[in-house]
Amino acid sequence: MTIKRKAIVLAGLVVTSSACTHADREFVGVQDPGFGDANRATFAAMVINPDPQYADPIPPTSAEHAAQAIERYRNDKVKQPERIDTTEISSGSGGN
């Protein structure tokens, strides 16, 4: 190896090894105060409140009304919904 090549290799080693002189703060015991906040927020979004408080009261239900709906379903007396097409099919030239 020539002197020039040795100098370049040595300079490259100095530059790359300088990154190893600083230890990561996590390895020394120092952690980011916000570490894990995303996981805690995601977990909180998945958990249901066991004692919910609603501004509006839950409307009362009628067992008789529910039983009548079940009987209509069983006897095939359910009112069929009106059919609505949600897409339009048209023919024509593209114009290009």
PDB file of N, CA and C in Angstrom:
ATOM      1  N   MET A   1       0.835  -1.182   0.000  1.00  0.00           N
ATOM      2  CA  MET A   1       0.000   0.000   0.000  1.00  0.00           C
ATOM      3  C   MET A   1       0.882   1.248   0.000  1.00  0.00           C
ATOM      4  N   THR A   2       0.431   2.207  -0.665  1.00  0.00           N
ATOM      5  CA  THR A   2       1.191   3.448  -0.691  1.00  0.00           C
ATOM      6  C   THR A   2       0.822   4.292   0.508  1.00  0.00           C
ATOM      7  N   ILE A   3       1.582   5.300   0.748  1.00  0.00           N
ATOM      8  CA  ILE A   3       1.341   6.199   1.876  1.00  0.00           C
ATOM      9  C   ILE A   3      -0.002   6.903   1.712  1.00  0.00           C
ATOM     10  N   LYS A   4      -0.321   7.289   0.490  1.00  0.00           N
ATOM     11  CA  LYS A   4      -1.581   8.000   0.232  1.00  0.00           C
ATOM     12  C   LYS A   4      -2.775   7.095   0.554  1.00  0.00           C
ATOM     13  N   ARG A   5      -2.697   5.850   0.147  1.00  0.00           N
ATOM     14  CA  ARG A   5      -3.788   4.917   0.391  1.00  0.00           C
ATOM     15  C   ARG A   5      -3.917   4.649   1.894  1.00  0.00           C
ATOM     16  N   LYS A   6      -2.807   4.515   2.593  1.00  0.00           N
ATOM     17  CA  LYS A   6      -2.833   4.306   4.045  1.00  0.00           C
ATOM     18  C   LYS A   6      -3.463   5.503   4.753  1.00  0.00           C
ATOM     19  N   ALA A   7      -3.163   6.687   4.279  1.00  0.00           N
ATOM     20  CA  ALA A   7      -3.724   7.894   4.891  1.00  0.00           C
ATOM     21  C   ALA A   7      -5.234   7.957   4.683  1.00  0.00           C
ATOM     22  N   ILE A   8      -5.687   7.566   3.523  1.00  0.00           N
ATOM     23  CA  ILE A   8      -7.131   7.577   3.240  1.00  0.00           C
ATOM     24  C   ILE A   8      -7.845   6.544   4.100  1.00  0.00           C
ATOM     25  N   VAL A   9      -7.266   5.351   4.213  1.00  0.00           N
ATOM     26  CA  VAL A   9      -7.874   4.309   5.039  1.00  0.00           C
ATOM     27  C   VAL A   9      -7.894   4.741   6.494  1.00  0.00           C
ATOM     28  N   LEU A  10      -6.799   5.322   6.978  1.00  0.00           N
ATOM     29  CA  LEU A  10      -6.732   5.786   8.362  1.00  0.00           C
ATOM     30  C   LEU A  10      -7.750   6.896   8.614  1.00  0.00           C
ATOM     31  N   ALA A  11      -7.893   7.816   7.675  1.00  0.00           N
ATOM     32  CA  ALA A  11      -8.876   8.895   7.824  1.00  0.00           C
ATOM     33  C   ALA A  11     -10.294   8.330   7.848  1.00  0.00           C
ATOM     34  N   GLY A  12     -10.548   7.330   7.023  1.00  0.00           N
ATOM     35  CA  GLY A  12     -11.875   6.698   7.025  1.00  0.00           C
ATOM     36  C   GLY A  12     -12.165   5.997   8.336  1.00  0.00           C
ATOM     37  N   LEU A  13     -11.163   5.324   8.895  1.00  0.00           N
ATOM     38  CA  LEU A  13     -11.351   4.660  10.188  1.00  0.00           C
ATOM     39  C   LEU A  13     -11.595   5.663  11.304  1.00  0.00           C
ATOM     40  N   VAL A  14     -10.905   6.783  11.260  1.00  0.00           N
ATOM     41  CA  VAL A  14     -11.094   7.814  12.284  1.00  0.00           C
ATOM     42  C   VAL A  14     -12.508   8.375  12.212  1.00  0.00           C
ATOM     43  N   VAL A  15     -12.975   8.634  11.024  1.00  0.00           N
ATOM     44  CA  VAL A  15     -14.324   9.198  10.858  1.00  0.00           C
ATOM     45  C   VAL A  15     -15.385   8.203  11.309  1.00  0.00           C
ATOM     46  N   THR A  16     -15.255   6.942  10.926  1.00  0.00           N
ATOM     47  CA  THR A  16     -16.285   5.966  11.294  1.00  0.00           C
ATOM     48  C   THR A  16     -16.209   5.561  12.751  1.00  0.00           C
ATOM     49  N   SER A  17     -15.019   5.559  13.334  1.00  0.00           N
ATOM     50  CA  SER A  17     -14.923   5.160  14.743  1.00  0.00           C
ATOM     51  C   SER A  17     -15.326   6.277  15.685  1.00  0.00           C
ATOM     52  N   SER A  18     -15.387   7.512  15.201  1.00  0.00           N
ATOM     53  CA  SER A  18     -15.789   8.610  16.076  1.00  0.00           C
ATOM     54  C   SER A  18     -17.248   8.479  16.493  1.00  0.00           C
ATOM     55  N   ALA A  19     -18.043   7.798  15.714  1.00  0.00           N
ATOM     56  CA  ALA A  19     -19.445   7.592  16.082  1.00  0.00           C
ATOM     57  C   ALA A  19     -19.572   6.619  17.245  1.00  0.00           C
ATOM     58  N   CYS A  20     -18.572   5.785  17.465  1.00  0.00           N
ATOM     59  CA  CYS A  20     -18.626   4.797  18.543  1.00  0.00           C
ATOM     60  C   CYS A  20     -18.234   5.377  19.891  1.00  0.00           C
ATOM     61  N   THR A  21     -17.721   6.597  19.930  1.00  0.00           N
ATOM     62  CA  THR A  21     -17.273   7.157  21.204  1.00  0.00           C
ATOM     63  C   THR A  21     -18.433   7.644  22.055  1.00  0.00           C
ATOM     64  N   HIS A  22     -19.571   7.886  21.471  1.00  0.00           N
ATOM     65  CA  HIS A  22     -20.734   8.383  22.216  1.00  0.00           C
ATOM     66  C   HIS A  22     -21.690   7.227  22.463  1.00  0.00           C
ATOM     67  N   ALA A  23     -21.929   6.928  23.732  1.00  0.00           N
ATOM     68  CA  ALA A  23     -22.847   5.836  24.071  1.00  0.00           C
ATOM     69  C   ALA A  23     -24.289   6.314  23.932  1.00  0.00           C
ATOM     70  N   ASP A  24     -25.160   5.418  23.519  1.00  0.00           N
ATOM     71  CA  ASP A  24     -26.570   5.771  23.443  1.00  0.00           C
ATOM     72  C   ASP A  24     -27.105   6.026  24.841  1.00  0.00           C
ATOM     73  N   ARG A  25     -27.949   7.022  24.956  1.00  0.00           N
ATOM     74  CA  ARG A  25     -28.475   7.381  26.272  1.00  0.00           C
ATOM     75  C   ARG A  25     -29.350   6.278  26.841  1.00  0.00           C
ATOM     76  N   GLU A  26     -30.020   5.502  25.981  1.00  0.00           N
ATOM     77  CA  GLU A  26     -30.880   4.431  26.471  1.00  0.00           C
ATOM     78  C   GLU A  26     -30.066   3.340  27.148  1.00  0.00           C
ATOM     79  N   PHE A  27     -28.838   3.114  26.667  1.00  0.00           N
ATOM     80  CA  PHE A  27     -27.999   2.077  27.257  1.00  0.00           C
ATOM     81  C   PHE A  27     -27.432   2.508  28.603  1.00  0.00           C
ATOM     82  N   VAL A  28     -27.346   3.811  28.837  1.00  0.00           N
ATOM     83  CA  VAL A  28     -26.804   4.302  30.096  1.00  0.00           C
ATOM     84  C   VAL A  28     -27.905   4.417  31.148  1.00  0.00           C
ATOM     85  N   GLY A  29     -29.158   4.261  30.783  1.00  0.00           N
ATOM     86  CA  GLY A  29     -30.253   4.328  31.743  1.00  0.00           C
ATOM     87  C   GLY A  29     -31.132   5.553  31.593  1.00  0.00           C
ATOM     88  N   VAL A  30     -30.825   6.432  30.660  1.00  0.00           N
ATOM     89  CA  VAL A  30     -31.626   7.632  30.441  1.00  0.00           C
ATOM     90  C   VAL A  30     -32.600   7.329  29.315  1.00  0.00           C
ATOM     91  N   GLN A  31     -33.885   7.556  29.555  1.00  0.00           N
ATOM     92  CA  GLN A  31     -34.884   7.310  28.515  1.00  0.00           C
ATOM     93  C   GLN A  31     -35.623   8.585  28.189  1.00  0.00           C
ATOM     94  N   ASP A  32     -36.127   8.617  26.990  1.00  0.00           N
ATOM     95  CA  ASP A  32     -36.936   9.737  26.540  1.00  0.00           C
ATOM     96  C   ASP A  32     -38.199   9.786  27.387  1.00  0.00           C
ATOM     97  N   PRO A  33     -38.567  10.963  27.923  1.00  0.00           N
ATOM     98  CA  PRO A  33     -39.775  11.030  28.759  1.00  0.00           C
ATOM     99  C   PRO A  33     -41.053  10.662  28.013  1.00  0.00           C
ATOM    100  N   GLY A  34     -41.066  10.800  26.689  1.00  0.00           N
ATOM    101  CA  GLY A  34     -42.252  10.455  25.913  1.00  0.00           C
ATOM    102  C   GLY A  34     -42.218   9.045  25.369  1.00  0.00           C
ATOM    103  N   PHE A  35     -41.254   8.244  25.819  1.00  0.00           N
ATOM    104  CA  PHE A  35     -41.108   6.885  25.299  1.00  0.00           C
ATOM    105  C   PHE A  35     -42.338   6.056  25.652  1.00  0.00           C
ATOM    106  N   GLY A  36     -43.006   5.485  24.668  1.00  0.00           N
ATOM    107  CA  GLY A  36     -44.169   4.643  24.894  1.00  0.00           C
ATOM    108  C   GLY A  36     -45.494   5.374  24.843  1.00  0.00           C
ATOM    109  N   ASP A  37     -45.477   6.678  24.592  1.00  0.00           N
ATOM    110  CA  ASP A  37     -46.731   7.435  24.558  1.00  0.00           C
ATOM    111  C   ASP A  37     -47.653   6.958  23.445  1.00  0.00           C
ATOM    112  N   ALA A  38     -47.106   6.590  22.305  1.00  0.00           N
ATOM    113  CA  ALA A  38     -47.945   6.124  21.197  1.00  0.00           C
ATOM    114  C   ALA A  38     -48.634   4.821  21.567  1.00  0.00           C
ATOM    115  N   ASN A  39     -47.921   3.926  22.231  1.00  0.00           N
ATOM    116  CA  ASN A  39     -48.542   2.665  22.650  1.00  0.00           C
ATOM    117  C   ASN A  39     -49.627   2.901  23.691  1.00  0.00           C
ATOM    118  N   ARG A  40     -49.372   3.793  24.638  1.00  0.00           N
ATOM    119  CA  ARG A  40     -50.385   4.086  25.661  1.00  0.00           C
ATOM    120  C   ARG A  40     -51.624   4.734  25.046  1.00  0.00           C
ATOM    121  N   ALA A  41     -51.439   5.616  24.076  1.00  0.00           N
ATOM    122  CA  ALA A  41     -52.579   6.264  23.429  1.00  0.00           C
ATOM    123  C   ALA A  41     -53.393   5.255  22.629  1.00  0.00           C
ATOM    124  N   THR A  42     -52.715   4.348  21.940  1.00  0.00           N
ATOM    125  CA  THR A  42     -53.424   3.322  21.177  1.00  0.00           C
ATOM    126  C   THR A  42     -54.186   2.390  22.102  1.00  0.00           C
ATOM    127  N   PHE A  43     -53.572   2.006  23.208  1.00  0.00           N
ATOM    128  CA  PHE A  43     -54.237   1.133  24.172  1.00  0.00           C
ATOM    129  C   PHE A  43     -55.454   1.830  24.782  1.00  0.00           C
ATOM    130  N   ALA A  44     -55.323   3.108  25.103  1.00  0.00           N
ATOM    131  CA  ALA A  44     -56.445   3.853  25.680  1.00  0.00           C
ATOM    132  C   ALA A  44     -57.597   3.969  24.690  1.00  0.00           C
ATOM    133  N   ALA A  45     -57.297   4.052  23.402  1.00  0.00           N
ATOM    134  CA  ALA A  45     -58.357   4.137  22.398  1.00  0.00           C
ATOM    135  C   ALA A  45     -59.097   2.822  22.245  1.00  0.00           C
ATOM    136  N   MET A  46     -58.454   1.699  22.609  1.00  0.00           N
ATOM    137  CA  MET A  46     -59.087   0.392  22.460  1.00  0.00           C
ATOM    138  C   MET A  46     -59.904  -0.012  23.683  1.00  0.00           C
ATOM    139  N   VAL A  47     -59.663   0.611  24.827  1.00  0.00           N
ATOM    140  CA  VAL A  47     -60.323   0.203  26.063  1.00  0.00           C
ATOM    141  C   VAL A  47     -61.662   0.927  26.187  1.00  0.00           C
ATOM    142  N   ILE A  48     -62.696   0.178  26.505  1.00  0.00           N
ATOM    143  CA  ILE A  48     -64.026   0.759  26.673  1.00  0.00           C
ATOM    144  C   ILE A  48     -64.160   1.271  28.098  1.00  0.00           C
ATOM    145  N   ASN A  49     -64.770   2.428  28.244  1.00  0.00           N
ATOM    146  CA  ASN A  49     -64.995   2.995  29.565  1.00  0.00           C
ATOM    147  C   ASN A  49     -65.985   2.103  30.315  1.00  0.00           C
ATOM    148  N   PRO A  50     -65.588   1.540  31.472  1.00  0.00           N
ATOM    149  CA  PRO A  50     -66.492   0.639  32.188  1.00  0.00           C
ATOM    150  C   PRO A  50     -67.666   1.361  32.851  1.00  0.00           C
ATOM    151  N   ASP A  51     -67.548   2.658  33.061  1.00  0.00           N
ATOM    152  CA  ASP A  51     -68.622   3.421  33.694  1.00  0.00           C
ATOM    153  C   ASP A  51     -68.901   4.672  32.859  1.00  0.00           C
ATOM    154  N   PRO A  52     -69.512   4.502  31.673  1.00  0.00           N
ATOM    155  CA  PRO A  52     -69.697   5.661  30.800  1.00  0.00           C
ATOM    156  C   PRO A  52     -70.754   6.618  31.341  1.00  0.00           C
ATOM    157  N   GLN A  53     -70.541   7.883  31.099  1.00  0.00           N
ATOM    158  CA  GLN A  53     -71.495   8.922  31.470  1.00  0.00           C
ATOM    159  C   GLN A  53     -71.904   9.636  30.181  1.00  0.00           C
ATOM    160  N   TYR A  54     -73.172   9.537  29.832  1.00  0.00           N
ATOM    161  CA  TYR A  54     -73.664  10.138  28.598  1.00  0.00           C
ATOM    162  C   TYR A  54     -74.501  11.364  28.924  1.00  0.00           C
ATOM    163  N   ALA A  55     -74.446  12.355  28.044  1.00  0.00           N
ATOM    164  CA  ALA A  55     -75.235  13.563  28.241  1.00  0.00           C
ATOM    165  C   ALA A  55     -76.722  13.267  28.032  1.00  0.00           C
ATOM    166  N   ASP A  56     -77.044  12.483  27.014  1.00  0.00           N
ATOM    167  CA  ASP A  56     -78.434  12.133  26.735  1.00  0.00           C
ATOM    168  C   ASP A  56     -78.726  10.751  27.305  1.00  0.00           C
ATOM    169  N   PRO A  57     -79.886  10.591  27.941  1.00  0.00           N
ATOM    170  CA  PRO A  57     -80.215   9.265  28.468  1.00  0.00           C
ATOM    171  C   PRO A  57     -80.490   8.276  27.333  1.00  0.00           C
ATOM    172  N   ILE A  58     -80.246   7.019  27.597  1.00  0.00           N
ATOM    173  CA  ILE A  58     -80.515   5.979  26.614  1.00  0.00           C
ATOM    174  C   ILE A  58     -82.029   5.835  26.483  1.00  0.00           C
ATOM    175  N   PRO A  59     -82.566   5.850  25.257  1.00  0.00           N
ATOM    176  CA  PRO A  59     -84.021   5.759  25.102  1.00  0.00           C
ATOM    177  C   PRO A  59     -84.536   4.407  25.596  1.00  0.00           C
ATOM    178  N   PRO A  60     -85.735   4.418  26.147  1.00  0.00           N
ATOM    179  CA  PRO A  60     -86.295   3.152  26.635  1.00  0.00           C
ATOM    180  C   PRO A  60     -86.610   2.215  25.472  1.00  0.00           C
ATOM    181  N   THR A  61     -86.499   0.928  25.715  1.00  0.00           N
ATOM    182  CA  THR A  61     -86.811  -0.061  24.692  1.00  0.00           C
ATOM    183  C   THR A  61     -88.100  -0.769  25.068  1.00  0.00           C
ATOM    184  N   SER A  62     -88.739  -1.321  24.078  1.00  0.00           N
ATOM    185  CA  SER A  62     -89.996  -2.015  24.301  1.00  0.00           C
ATOM    186  C   SER A  62     -89.832  -3.467  23.889  1.00  0.00           C
ATOM    187  N   ALA A  63     -89.994  -4.369  24.828  1.00  0.00           N
ATOM    188  CA  ALA A  63     -89.896  -5.795  24.526  1.00  0.00           C
ATOM    189  C   ALA A  63     -91.031  -6.221  23.599  1.00  0.00           C
ATOM    190  N   GLU A  64     -92.193  -5.621  23.774  1.00  0.00           N
ATOM    191  CA  GLU A  64     -93.335  -5.952  22.923  1.00  0.00           C
ATOM    192  C   GLU A  64     -93.048  -5.554  21.473  1.00  0.00           C
ATOM    193  N   HIS A  65     -92.485  -4.386  21.283  1.00  0.00           N
ATOM    194  CA  HIS A  65     -92.156  -3.919  19.937  1.00  0.00           C
ATOM    195  C   HIS A  65     -91.108  -4.837  19.296  1.00  0.00           C
ATOM    196  N   ALA A  66     -90.112  -5.267  20.059  1.00  0.00           N
ATOM    197  CA  ALA A  66     -89.084  -6.169  19.540  1.00  0.00           C
ATOM    198  C   ALA A  66     -89.683  -7.529  19.191  1.00  0.00           C
ATOM    199  N   ALA A  67     -90.602  -8.021  20.011  1.00  0.00           N
ATOM    200  CA  ALA A  67     -91.236  -9.319  19.742  1.00  0.00           C
ATOM    201  C   ALA A  67     -92.068  -9.256  18.466  1.00  0.00           C
ATOM    202  N   GLN A  68     -92.758  -8.134  18.243  1.00  0.00           N
ATOM    203  CA  GLN A  68     -93.536  -7.979  17.018  1.00  0.00           C
ATOM    204  C   GLN A  68     -92.624  -7.961  15.787  1.00  0.00           C
ATOM    205  N   ALA A  69     -91.475  -7.330  15.901  1.00  0.00           N
ATOM    206  CA  ALA A  69     -90.537  -7.294  14.776  1.00  0.00           C
ATOM    207  C   ALA A  69     -90.015  -8.689  14.465  1.00  0.00           C
ATOM    208  N   ILE A  70     -89.745  -9.475  15.494  1.00  0.00           N
ATOM    209  CA  ILE A  70     -89.269 -10.844  15.287  1.00  0.00           C
ATOM    210  C   ILE A  70     -90.345 -11.693  14.627  1.00  0.00           C
ATOM    211  N   GLU A  71     -91.581 -11.529  15.049  1.00  0.00           N
ATOM    212  CA  GLU A  71     -92.682 -12.289  14.446  1.00  0.00           C
ATOM    213  C   GLU A  71     -92.875 -11.906  12.983  1.00  0.00           C
ATOM    214  N   ARG A  72     -92.768 -10.620  12.659  1.00  0.00           N
ATOM    215  CA  ARG A  72     -92.877 -10.200  11.257  1.00  0.00           C
ATOM    216  C   ARG A  72     -91.763 -10.832  10.431  1.00  0.00           C
ATOM    217  N   TYR A  73     -90.586 -10.919  10.992  1.00  0.00           N
ATOM    218  CA  TYR A  73     -89.455 -11.522  10.279  1.00  0.00           C
ATOM    219  C   TYR A  73     -89.677 -13.017  10.080  1.00  0.00           C
ATOM    220  N   ARG A  74     -90.150 -13.687  11.111  1.00  0.00           N
ATOM    221  CA  ARG A  74     -90.383 -15.136  11.029  1.00  0.00           C
ATOM    222  C   ARG A  74     -91.490 -15.474  10.034  1.00  0.00           C
ATOM    223  N   ASN A  75     -92.525 -14.651   9.976  1.00  0.00           N
ATOM    224  CA  ASN A  75     -93.669 -14.909   9.097  1.00  0.00           C
ATOM    225  C   ASN A  75     -93.486 -14.303   7.706  1.00  0.00           C
ATOM    226  N   ASP A  76     -92.312 -13.790   7.423  1.00  0.00           N
ATOM    227  CA  ASP A  76     -91.996 -13.198   6.130  1.00  0.00           C
ATOM    228  C   ASP A  76     -92.929 -12.037   5.802  1.00  0.00           C
ATOM    229  N   LYS A  77     -93.254 -11.228   6.782  1.00  0.00           N
ATOM    230  CA  LYS A  77     -94.121 -10.063   6.597  1.00  0.00           C
ATOM    231  C   LYS A  77     -93.320  -8.760   6.683  1.00  0.00           C
ATOM    232  N   VAL A  78     -92.007  -8.862   6.520  1.00  0.00           N
ATOM    233  CA  VAL A  78     -91.156  -7.680   6.615  1.00  0.00           C
ATOM    234  C   VAL A  78     -91.328  -6.837   5.365  1.00  0.00           C
ATOM    235  N   LYS A  79     -91.444  -5.533   5.545  1.00  0.00           N
ATOM    236  CA  LYS A  79     -91.597  -4.632   4.418  1.00  0.00           C
ATOM    237  C   LYS A  79     -90.257  -4.561   3.682  1.00  0.00           C
ATOM    238  N   GLN A  80     -90.269  -4.893   2.403  1.00  0.00           N
ATOM    239  CA  GLN A  80     -89.042  -4.898   1.612  1.00  0.00           C
ATOM    240  C   GLN A  80     -88.626  -3.460   1.305  1.00  0.00           C
ATOM    241  N   PRO A  81     -87.360  -3.156   1.440  1.00  0.00           N
ATOM    242  CA  PRO A  81     -86.909  -1.799   1.121  1.00  0.00           C
ATOM    243  C   PRO A  81     -86.942  -1.551  -0.382  1.00  0.00           C
ATOM    244  N   GLU A  82     -87.093  -0.299  -0.742  1.00  0.00           N
ATOM    245  CA  GLU A  82     -87.128   0.076  -2.144  1.00  0.00           C
ATOM    246  C   GLU A  82     -85.727  -0.075  -2.739  1.00  0.00           C
ATOM    247  N   ARG A  83     -85.670  -0.645  -3.928  1.00  0.00           N
ATOM    248  CA  ARG A  83     -84.372  -0.874  -4.571  1.00  0.00           C
ATOM    249  C   ARG A  83     -83.898   0.426  -5.216  1.00  0.00           C
ATOM    250  N   ILE A  84     -82.668   0.780  -4.929  1.00  0.00           N
ATOM    251  CA  ILE A  84     -82.082   1.996  -5.483  1.00  0.00           C
ATOM    252  C   ILE A  84     -80.766   1.625  -6.145  1.00  0.00           C
ATOM    253  N   ASP A  85     -80.593   2.020  -7.402  1.00  0.00           N
ATOM    254  CA  ASP A  85     -79.327   1.792  -8.087  1.00  0.00           C
ATOM    255  C   ASP A  85     -78.342   2.873  -7.665  1.00  0.00           C
ATOM    256  N   THR A  86     -77.170   2.455  -7.273  1.00  0.00           N
ATOM    257  CA  THR A  86     -76.180   3.427  -6.821  1.00  0.00           C
ATOM    258  C   THR A  86     -75.157   3.772  -7.884  1.00  0.00           C
ATOM    259  N   THR A  87     -75.192   3.086  -9.001  1.00  0.00           N
ATOM    260  CA  THR A  87     -74.264   3.406 -10.087  1.00  0.00           C
ATOM    261  C   THR A  87     -75.057   3.636 -11.356  1.00  0.00           C
ATOM    262  N   GLU A  88     -74.538   4.488 -12.189  1.00  0.00           N
ATOM    263  CA  GLU A  88     -75.163   4.746 -13.479  1.00  0.00           C
ATOM    264  C   GLU A  88     -74.279   4.155 -14.560  1.00  0.00           C
ATOM    265  N   ILE A  89     -74.881   3.444 -15.467  1.00  0.00           N
ATOM    266  CA  ILE A  89     -74.149   2.880 -16.594  1.00  0.00           C
ATOM    267  C   ILE A  89     -74.583   3.636 -17.831  1.00  0.00           C
ATOM    268  N   SER A  90     -73.635   4.256 -18.482  1.00  0.00           N
ATOM    269  CA  SER A  90     -73.960   4.993 -19.706  1.00  0.00           C
ATOM    270  C   SER A  90     -72.974   4.585 -20.783  1.00  0.00           C
ATOM    271  N   SER A  91     -73.426   4.686 -21.994  1.00  0.00           N
ATOM    272  CA  SER A  91     -72.550   4.350 -23.114  1.00  0.00           C
ATOM    273  C   SER A  91     -72.271   5.614 -23.898  1.00  0.00           C
ATOM    274  N   GLY A  92     -71.139   5.648 -24.481  1.00  0.00           N
ATOM    275  CA  GLY A  92     -70.763   6.809 -25.276  1.00  0.00           C
ATOM    276  C   GLY A  92     -69.284   6.762 -25.562  1.00  0.00           C
ATOM    277  N   SER A  93     -68.847   7.701 -26.364  1.00  0.00           N
ATOM    278  CA  SER A  93     -67.425   7.718 -26.701  1.00  0.00           C
ATOM    279  C   SER A  93     -66.660   8.444 -25.610  1.00  0.00           C
ATOM    280  N   GLY A  94     -65.406   8.081 -25.482  1.00  0.00           N
ATOM    281  CA  GLY A  94     -64.564   8.685 -24.456  1.00  0.00           C
ATOM    282  C   GLY A  94     -64.160  10.106 -24.780  1.00  0.00           C
ATOM    283  N   GLY A  95     -64.175  10.466 -26.041  1.00  0.00           N
ATOM    284  CA  GLY A  95     -63.842  11.825 -26.419  1.00  0.00           C
ATOM    285  C   GLY A  95     -62.348  12.060 -26.591  1.00  0.00           C
ATOM    286  N   ASN A  96     -61.565  11.057 -26.390  1.00  0.00           N
ATOM    287  CA  ASN A  96     -60.117  11.234 -26.564  1.00  0.00           C
ATOM    288  C   ASN A  96     -59.716  10.921 -27.956  1.00  0.00           C
TER     289      ASN A  96
END
